[in-house]
Amino acid sequence: MKKQLRKWYAANIHMLRWKNAWVNTTTKGTRRNLSRILLFGRCGYAIHRTARIDLANGHLAINRFVKRKDPFVGNLEMYENACIKAENTFFIHSGCDVMVFSGATLTLGSGYINRYCRIRCYASITIGHHVAISEHFTVWDSDFHVIKGKEDTVSKPVVIGNHVWIGTNVTVLKGVTIGDGAIIAAGSVVSRDIPPGCLAAGVPAKVVKEQVEWK
């Protein structure tokens, strides 16, 4: 497998460089302090001509390998007037599937999301600074389908604060705010707000311990 990976990257290195050059020059947005959009490995993308990616200070890495180059396919889709704002370097690791729909804004602070994440941003998702998010993370800010009589509740913003640690196989649903310094245990489904500095677990996630710290 390692030999095959090395051969694949050797054969495709020029294509990868060209792809990154192309996405940086054709995608609207600001790139401050030599910031760059970096697409790794087998990462497909479809970015509408009206969409934009704004980088304030650092790089946005999509489908990045963790410790070694791997074959997992990544995907980035941005529709009409969609926006990604990265305030510092943010890694979204391999096997990711990121979709930012028409008029929506995905705001990223700094930190990383590990392999196989699923991000569906229909209106507004904000992820803070120094976050550590494990594998198979899913976040939606919308139900997508509409219940008659409740059309105004189909989408609600999601906010994940600074220095938040999220375990593997966690799902975060619409309208949720996770406070600074919180920890979300593996396998949880977060459907309600979690206060700062709390450990939450379960389906649905509930606070099981307060005044926690992690490093």
Protein backbone atom coordinates (compact mmCIF):
# COMPACT_ATOMS: atom_id res chain seq x y z
CA MET A 1 0.00 0.00 0.00
CA LYS A 2 2.78 2.48 0.87
CA LYS A 3 4.53 1.84 -2.43
CA GLN A 4 1.27 2.38 -4.30
CA LEU A 5 0.66 5.65 -2.46
CA ARG A 6 4.17 6.89 -3.20
CA LYS A 7 3.75 6.02 -6.88
CA TRP A 8 0.38 7.78 -7.02
CA TYR A 9 1.71 10.99 -5.46
CA ALA A 10 4.83 10.94 -7.62
CA ALA A 11 2.69 10.56 -10.72
CA ASN A 12 0.20 13.25 -9.68
CA ILE A 13 2.35 15.87 -7.92
CA HIS A 14 2.18 18.27 -10.86
CA MET A 15 -1.60 17.90 -11.01
CA LEU A 16 -1.89 18.63 -7.28
CA ARG A 17 0.24 21.77 -7.55
CA TRP A 18 -1.78 22.92 -10.55
CA LYS A 19 -5.06 22.27 -8.72
CA ASN A 20 -4.01 24.37 -5.71
CA ALA A 21 -2.75 27.17 -7.94
CA TRP A 22 -6.00 27.10 -9.87
CA VAL A 23 -8.31 27.13 -6.83
CA ASN A 24 -6.37 30.02 -5.23
CA THR A 25 -6.40 32.17 -8.34
CA THR A 26 -9.97 31.52 -9.48
CA THR A 27 -11.83 31.53 -6.14
CA LYS A 28 -12.99 34.94 -4.94
CA GLY A 29 -11.98 36.20 -1.52
CA THR A 30 -9.13 37.71 0.47
CA ARG A 31 -5.83 35.96 1.23
CA ARG A 32 -3.91 37.88 3.87
CA ASN A 33 -0.37 37.20 5.09
CA LEU A 34 0.41 34.72 2.29
CA SER A 35 -2.53 32.52 3.31
CA ARG A 36 -3.51 29.75 0.91
CA ILE A 37 -6.26 27.25 0.18
CA LEU A 38 -4.61 23.82 0.19
CA LEU A 39 -6.32 20.79 -1.33
CA PHE A 40 -4.60 17.50 -0.50
CA GLY A 41 -4.67 14.14 -2.23
CA ARG A 42 -7.80 13.01 -4.01
CA CYS A 43 -9.85 16.08 -3.16
CA GLY A 44 -12.59 17.09 -5.55
CA TYR A 45 -14.14 20.53 -5.49
CA ALA A 46 -16.96 22.51 -7.08
CA ILE A 47 -16.82 26.21 -6.20
CA HIS A 48 -19.38 28.52 -7.79
CA ARG A 49 -17.98 31.63 -9.42
CA THR A 50 -19.86 33.83 -6.91
CA ALA A 51 -18.62 31.91 -3.85
CA ARG A 52 -15.68 33.20 -1.81
CA ILE A 53 -13.06 31.98 0.64
CA ASP A 54 -11.57 34.60 2.98
CA LEU A 55 -8.36 33.73 4.82
CA ALA A 56 -7.25 36.15 7.53
CA ASN A 57 -4.04 34.66 8.88
CA GLY A 58 -3.07 31.10 8.02
CA HIS A 59 -4.01 28.32 5.64
CA LEU A 60 -7.19 26.36 5.04
CA ALA A 61 -6.22 22.72 4.42
CA ILE A 62 -8.88 20.40 2.98
CA ASN A 63 -8.53 16.59 2.88
CA ARG A 64 -5.14 16.75 4.60
CA PHE A 65 -3.53 13.48 5.70
CA VAL A 66 -2.92 13.03 9.42
CA LYS A 67 0.47 11.30 9.71
CA ARG A 68 0.95 9.78 6.29
CA LYS A 69 -0.46 10.28 2.82
CA ASP A 70 -3.61 8.26 2.37
CA PRO A 71 -6.03 7.43 -0.46
CA PHE A 72 -9.25 8.79 1.06
CA VAL A 73 -11.35 11.01 -1.19
CA GLY A 74 -12.36 14.49 -0.03
CA ASN A 75 -15.04 16.82 -1.33
CA LEU A 76 -15.63 20.58 -1.14
CA GLU A 77 -18.78 22.13 -2.62
CA MET A 78 -19.69 25.81 -2.49
CA TYR A 79 -22.81 27.17 -4.13
CA GLU A 80 -23.98 30.65 -5.19
CA ASN A 81 -22.72 33.37 -2.84
CA ALA A 82 -21.50 30.82 -0.30
CA CYS A 83 -18.62 31.88 1.93
CA ILE A 84 -15.92 30.24 4.02
CA LYS A 85 -14.06 32.47 6.47
CA ALA A 86 -10.94 31.07 8.12
CA GLU A 87 -9.43 33.26 10.82
CA ASN A 88 -6.27 31.20 11.29
CA THR A 89 -4.87 27.88 10.11
CA PHE A 90 -7.53 25.18 10.07
CA PHE A 91 -7.11 21.54 9.04
CA ILE A 92 -9.98 19.41 7.77
CA HIS A 93 -8.50 15.96 7.38
CA SER A 94 -8.96 13.25 4.77
CA GLY A 95 -12.24 11.73 3.74
CA CYS A 96 -14.08 15.00 4.42
CA ASP A 97 -17.32 16.10 2.76
CA VAL A 98 -17.93 19.83 3.12
CA MET A 99 -20.95 21.53 1.55
CA VAL A 100 -21.71 25.25 1.91
CA PHE A 101 -25.03 26.06 0.29
CA SER A 102 -26.30 29.22 -1.40
CA GLY A 103 -25.81 32.33 0.71
CA ALA A 104 -24.44 30.38 3.69
CA THR A 105 -21.32 31.18 5.72
CA LEU A 106 -18.97 28.66 7.34
CA THR A 107 -16.62 30.40 9.81
CA LEU A 108 -13.54 28.57 11.08
CA GLY A 109 -11.17 29.75 13.81
CA SER A 110 -8.18 27.45 14.25
CA GLY A 111 -7.54 23.81 15.00
CA TYR A 112 -8.57 20.65 13.23
CA ILE A 113 -11.32 18.20 12.36
CA ASN A 114 -10.10 14.62 11.95
CA ARG A 115 -11.02 12.11 9.24
CA TYR A 116 -14.44 11.60 7.63
CA CYS A 117 -16.23 14.73 8.78
CA ARG A 118 -19.54 15.81 7.24
CA ILE A 119 -20.35 19.52 7.24
CA ARG A 120 -23.68 20.76 5.85
CA CYS A 121 -23.90 24.54 6.12
CA TYR A 122 -27.24 25.93 4.90
CA ALA A 123 -27.08 29.29 6.70
CA SER A 124 -24.41 29.72 9.40
CA ILE A 125 -21.95 27.44 11.17
CA THR A 126 -19.19 28.92 13.33
CA ILE A 127 -16.33 26.85 14.78
CA GLY A 128 -13.96 28.64 17.16
CA HIS A 129 -10.23 28.70 17.83
CA HIS A 130 -8.01 25.88 19.14
CA VAL A 131 -10.64 23.20 18.61
CA ALA A 132 -9.87 19.47 18.56
CA ILE A 133 -12.59 17.51 16.75
CA SER A 134 -12.25 13.76 16.27
CA GLU A 135 -13.23 11.40 13.44
CA HIS A 136 -16.71 10.96 11.95
CA PHE A 137 -17.89 14.39 13.08
CA THR A 138 -21.19 15.60 11.58
CA VAL A 139 -22.67 19.07 11.85
CA TRP A 140 -25.90 20.34 10.25
CA ASP A 141 -27.51 23.74 10.76
CA SER A 142 -30.73 22.70 9.03
CA ASP A 143 -33.37 19.98 8.91
CA PHE A 144 -33.35 20.48 5.13
CA HIS A 145 -36.96 19.33 4.86
CA VAL A 146 -39.77 21.55 6.12
CA ILE A 147 -42.59 20.67 8.49
CA LYS A 148 -45.74 22.51 7.39
CA GLY A 149 -46.47 25.40 9.70
CA LYS A 150 -42.89 25.52 10.96
CA GLU A 151 -41.11 26.84 7.89
CA ASP A 152 -39.18 29.43 9.94
CA THR A 153 -37.44 26.73 11.99
CA VAL A 154 -35.87 24.73 9.18
CA SER A 155 -32.41 26.31 9.72
CA LYS A 156 -30.79 27.76 12.85
CA PRO A 157 -27.14 28.80 13.36
CA VAL A 158 -24.64 26.47 15.00
CA VAL A 159 -21.84 27.91 17.16
CA ILE A 160 -18.97 25.82 18.52
CA GLY A 161 -16.83 27.90 20.86
CA ASN A 162 -13.10 28.19 21.47
CA HIS A 163 -10.98 25.36 22.90
CA VAL A 164 -13.72 22.77 22.45
CA TRP A 165 -12.88 19.06 22.36
CA ILE A 166 -15.32 16.83 20.48
CA GLY A 167 -14.94 13.04 20.54
CA THR A 168 -15.44 10.56 17.72
CA ASN A 169 -18.84 9.90 16.12
CA VAL A 170 -20.45 13.08 17.41
CA THR A 171 -23.37 14.78 15.64
CA VAL A 172 -24.19 18.45 16.22
CA LEU A 173 -27.65 19.59 15.08
CA LYS A 174 -29.17 22.95 14.16
CA GLY A 175 -29.50 25.80 16.65
CA VAL A 176 -26.87 24.49 19.05
CA THR A 177 -24.25 26.56 20.88
CA ILE A 178 -21.36 24.71 22.53
CA GLY A 179 -19.58 26.96 25.02
CA ASP A 180 -15.86 27.63 25.29
CA GLY A 181 -13.78 24.85 26.82
CA ALA A 182 -16.56 22.26 26.64
CA ILE A 183 -15.97 18.54 26.02
CA ILE A 184 -18.42 16.41 24.04
CA ALA A 185 -18.06 12.68 24.68
CA ALA A 186 -17.80 10.15 21.85
CA GLY A 187 -21.05 9.04 20.25
CA SER A 188 -23.09 11.99 21.49
CA VAL A 189 -25.88 13.75 19.58
CA VAL A 190 -25.91 17.43 20.54
CA SER A 191 -29.40 18.87 20.06
CA ARG A 192 -29.37 21.53 22.79
CA ASP A 193 -26.91 24.13 24.09
CA ILE A 194 -23.93 23.01 26.16
CA PRO A 195 -22.58 25.60 28.66
CA PRO A 196 -18.89 26.58 28.74
CA GLY A 197 -16.50 24.32 30.65
CA CYS A 198 -18.87 21.35 30.82
CA LEU A 199 -18.58 17.69 29.85
CA ALA A 200 -21.63 16.48 27.92
CA ALA A 201 -22.50 12.96 26.83
CA GLY A 202 -25.36 10.87 25.53
CA VAL A 203 -28.23 10.87 23.03
CA PRO A 204 -29.36 13.57 23.36
CA ALA A 205 -26.23 15.01 24.97
CA LYS A 206 -26.63 16.21 28.55
CA VAL A 207 -24.18 17.82 30.96
CA VAL A 208 -22.62 15.15 33.16
CA LYS A 209 -19.88 17.23 34.76
CA GLU A 210 -19.21 20.92 35.25
CA GLN A 211 -16.02 22.96 35.58
CA VAL A 212 -13.87 20.62 33.49
CA GLU A 213 -10.57 21.52 31.86
CA TRP A 214 -8.63 19.75 29.12
CA LYS A 215 -5.35 20.12 27.31
